[in-house]
């Protein structure tokens, strides 16, 4: 049984970015994170950090990423190009909402 919890955080202004997290498997520590960019530029660069506050160790968070996809609208797929181990380039139509999951 899939449980979804949406948490809305108050914001004084409308954010151009919206994150949604779904728990796919609590036992496996598996989540689906969806990023929606309301007004994207033609070229979007997305990345994951390789560090955490208070630690000097370089982490490999991107190794746990599965099936990264991007789309505009409800069905239009957008190509995703991995530039390095933690950075991706997405070419899209400017101004049309972009969803990365």
C-alpha atoms as a PDB file:
ATOM      1  CA  UNK A   1       0.000   0.000   0.000  1.00  0.00           C
ATOM      2  CA  UNK A   2       1.486   3.298  -1.109  1.00  0.00           C
ATOM      3  CA  UNK A   3       1.231   6.154   1.364  1.00  0.00           C
ATOM      4  CA  UNK A   4       1.657   9.706   0.188  1.00  0.00           C
ATOM      5  CA  UNK A   5       2.147  12.688   2.419  1.00  0.00           C
ATOM      6  CA  UNK A   6       2.264  16.196   1.026  1.00  0.00           C
ATOM      7  CA  UNK A   7       3.706  18.923   3.202  1.00  0.00           C
ATOM      8  CA  UNK A   8       3.091  22.543   2.258  1.00  0.00           C
ATOM      9  CA  UNK A   9       5.443  25.068   3.761  1.00  0.00           C
ATOM     10  CA  UNK A  10       4.324  28.675   4.123  1.00  0.00           C
ATOM     11  CA  UNK A  11       6.029  31.139   1.829  1.00  0.00           C
ATOM     12  CA  UNK A  12       5.701  34.917   1.700  1.00  0.00           C
ATOM     13  CA  UNK A  13       5.988  34.836  -2.106  1.00  0.00           C
ATOM     14  CA  UNK A  14       5.118  32.310  -4.764  1.00  0.00           C
ATOM     15  CA  UNK A  15       8.083  30.040  -5.441  1.00  0.00           C
ATOM     16  CA  UNK A  16       9.153  29.160  -8.997  1.00  0.00           C
ATOM     17  CA  UNK A  17      10.141  25.697  -7.651  1.00  0.00           C
ATOM     18  CA  UNK A  18       7.854  23.098  -6.107  1.00  0.00           C
ATOM     19  CA  UNK A  19       9.057  19.835  -4.531  1.00  0.00           C
ATOM     20  CA  UNK A  20       6.842  16.834  -3.814  1.00  0.00           C
ATOM     21  CA  UNK A  21       8.015  13.768  -1.874  1.00  0.00           C
ATOM     22  CA  UNK A  22       6.274  10.392  -1.847  1.00  0.00           C
ATOM     23  CA  UNK A  23       7.249   7.406   0.283  1.00  0.00           C
ATOM     24  CA  UNK A  24       7.406   4.411  -2.067  1.00  0.00           C
ATOM     25  CA  UNK A  25       8.865   1.947   0.437  1.00  0.00           C
ATOM     26  CA  UNK A  26       9.639   2.977   4.005  1.00  0.00           C
ATOM     27  CA  UNK A  27      11.490  -0.296   4.679  1.00  0.00           C
ATOM     28  CA  UNK A  28      13.715   0.160   1.625  1.00  0.00           C
ATOM     29  CA  UNK A  29      14.139   3.912   2.276  1.00  0.00           C
ATOM     30  CA  UNK A  30      12.783   4.520  -1.227  1.00  0.00           C
ATOM     31  CA  UNK A  31      11.183   7.878  -2.068  1.00  0.00           C
ATOM     32  CA  UNK A  32       9.980   9.605  -5.219  1.00  0.00           C
ATOM     33  CA  UNK A  33      10.951  13.276  -5.334  1.00  0.00           C
ATOM     34  CA  UNK A  34       9.352  15.446  -8.002  1.00  0.00           C
ATOM     35  CA  UNK A  35      10.608  18.937  -8.855  1.00  0.00           C
ATOM     36  CA  UNK A  36       8.375  21.283 -10.839  1.00  0.00           C
ATOM     37  CA  UNK A  37       9.880  24.467 -12.293  1.00  0.00           C
ATOM     38  CA  UNK A  38       7.025  26.832 -13.151  1.00  0.00           C
ATOM     39  CA  UNK A  39       8.924  29.107 -15.576  1.00  0.00           C
ATOM     40  CA  UNK A  40      12.030  27.254 -16.788  1.00  0.00           C
ATOM     41  CA  UNK A  41      14.704  28.694 -19.020  1.00  0.00           C
ATOM     42  CA  UNK A  42      15.515  26.867 -22.272  1.00  0.00           C
ATOM     43  CA  UNK A  43      18.424  25.126 -20.555  1.00  0.00           C
ATOM     44  CA  UNK A  44      18.069  23.884 -16.998  1.00  0.00           C
ATOM     45  CA  UNK A  45      20.962  22.525 -14.963  1.00  0.00           C
ATOM     46  CA  UNK A  46      20.001  20.397 -11.958  1.00  0.00           C
ATOM     47  CA  UNK A  47      22.404  18.837  -9.487  1.00  0.00           C
ATOM     48  CA  UNK A  48      22.657  16.987  -6.206  1.00  0.00           C
ATOM     49  CA  UNK A  49      25.129  18.073  -3.530  1.00  0.00           C
ATOM     50  CA  UNK A  50      28.199  15.972  -2.782  1.00  0.00           C
ATOM     51  CA  UNK A  51      28.513  17.158   0.812  1.00  0.00           C
ATOM     52  CA  UNK A  52      26.446  17.652   3.949  1.00  0.00           C
ATOM     53  CA  UNK A  53      26.832  20.411   6.555  1.00  0.00           C
ATOM     54  CA  UNK A  54      29.352  19.536   9.253  1.00  0.00           C
ATOM     55  CA  UNK A  55      31.152  16.862   7.229  1.00  0.00           C
ATOM     56  CA  UNK A  56      34.239  17.085   5.076  1.00  0.00           C
ATOM     57  CA  UNK A  57      33.507  13.771   3.368  1.00  0.00           C
ATOM     58  CA  UNK A  58      32.504  13.749  -0.286  1.00  0.00           C
ATOM     59  CA  UNK A  59      29.261  11.806  -0.622  1.00  0.00           C
ATOM     60  CA  UNK A  60      27.871  10.033  -3.670  1.00  0.00           C
ATOM     61  CA  UNK A  61      24.160  10.810  -3.237  1.00  0.00           C
ATOM     62  CA  UNK A  62      23.504  10.528  -6.977  1.00  0.00           C
ATOM     63  CA  UNK A  63      24.370   6.803  -6.954  1.00  0.00           C
ATOM     64  CA  UNK A  64      20.988   6.219  -5.299  1.00  0.00           C
ATOM     65  CA  UNK A  65      19.068   8.065  -8.012  1.00  0.00           C
ATOM     66  CA  UNK A  66      16.853   5.816 -10.148  1.00  0.00           C
ATOM     67  CA  UNK A  67      15.162   6.559 -13.483  1.00  0.00           C
ATOM     68  CA  UNK A  68      15.561  10.342 -13.707  1.00  0.00           C
ATOM     69  CA  UNK A  69      13.058  11.710 -16.229  1.00  0.00           C
ATOM     70  CA  UNK A  70      11.810  15.124 -17.306  1.00  0.00           C
ATOM     71  CA  UNK A  71       8.647  16.251 -19.048  1.00  0.00           C
ATOM     72  CA  UNK A  72       6.731  19.358 -19.974  1.00  0.00           C
ATOM     73  CA  UNK A  73       2.971  19.321 -19.777  1.00  0.00           C
ATOM     74  CA  UNK A  74       1.386  15.988 -18.953  1.00  0.00           C
ATOM     75  CA  UNK A  75       3.050  13.811 -21.582  1.00  0.00           C
ATOM     76  CA  UNK A  76       5.838  15.593 -23.471  1.00  0.00           C
ATOM     77  CA  UNK A  77       9.159  13.933 -22.549  1.00  0.00           C
ATOM     78  CA  UNK A  78      12.257  16.116 -22.443  1.00  0.00           C
ATOM     79  CA  UNK A  79      15.793  14.790 -22.873  1.00  0.00           C
ATOM     80  CA  UNK A  80      18.029  14.645 -19.817  1.00  0.00           C
ATOM     81  CA  UNK A  81      21.805  14.587 -20.326  1.00  0.00           C
ATOM     82  CA  UNK A  82      24.092  13.644 -17.445  1.00  0.00           C
ATOM     83  CA  UNK A  83      27.074  16.015 -17.424  1.00  0.00           C
ATOM     84  CA  UNK A  84      28.956  14.432 -14.515  1.00  0.00           C
ATOM     85  CA  UNK A  85      28.203  12.196 -11.541  1.00  0.00           C
ATOM     86  CA  UNK A  86      25.897  14.737  -9.883  1.00  0.00           C
ATOM     87  CA  UNK A  87      24.789  17.203 -12.614  1.00  0.00           C
ATOM     88  CA  UNK A  88      22.224  16.947 -15.429  1.00  0.00           C
ATOM     89  CA  UNK A  89      21.286  19.261 -18.306  1.00  0.00           C
ATOM     90  CA  UNK A  90      17.680  19.504 -19.468  1.00  0.00           C
ATOM     91  CA  UNK A  91      16.817  21.310 -22.712  1.00  0.00           C
ATOM     92  CA  UNK A  92      13.196  22.428 -22.681  1.00  0.00           C
ATOM     93  CA  UNK A  93      10.762  25.014 -23.992  1.00  0.00           C
ATOM     94  CA  UNK A  94      11.093  28.213 -21.968  1.00  0.00           C
ATOM     95  CA  UNK A  95       8.128  29.282 -19.884  1.00  0.00           C
ATOM     96  CA  UNK A  96       6.280  25.952 -20.064  1.00  0.00           C
ATOM     97  CA  UNK A  97       6.267  24.133 -16.669  1.00  0.00           C
ATOM     98  CA  UNK A  98       8.978  21.480 -16.364  1.00  0.00           C
ATOM     99  CA  UNK A  99       8.647  18.409 -14.137  1.00  0.00           C
ATOM    100  CA  UNK A 100      11.710  16.376 -13.141  1.00  0.00           C
ATOM    101  CA  UNK A 101      11.274  13.116 -11.241  1.00  0.00           C
END
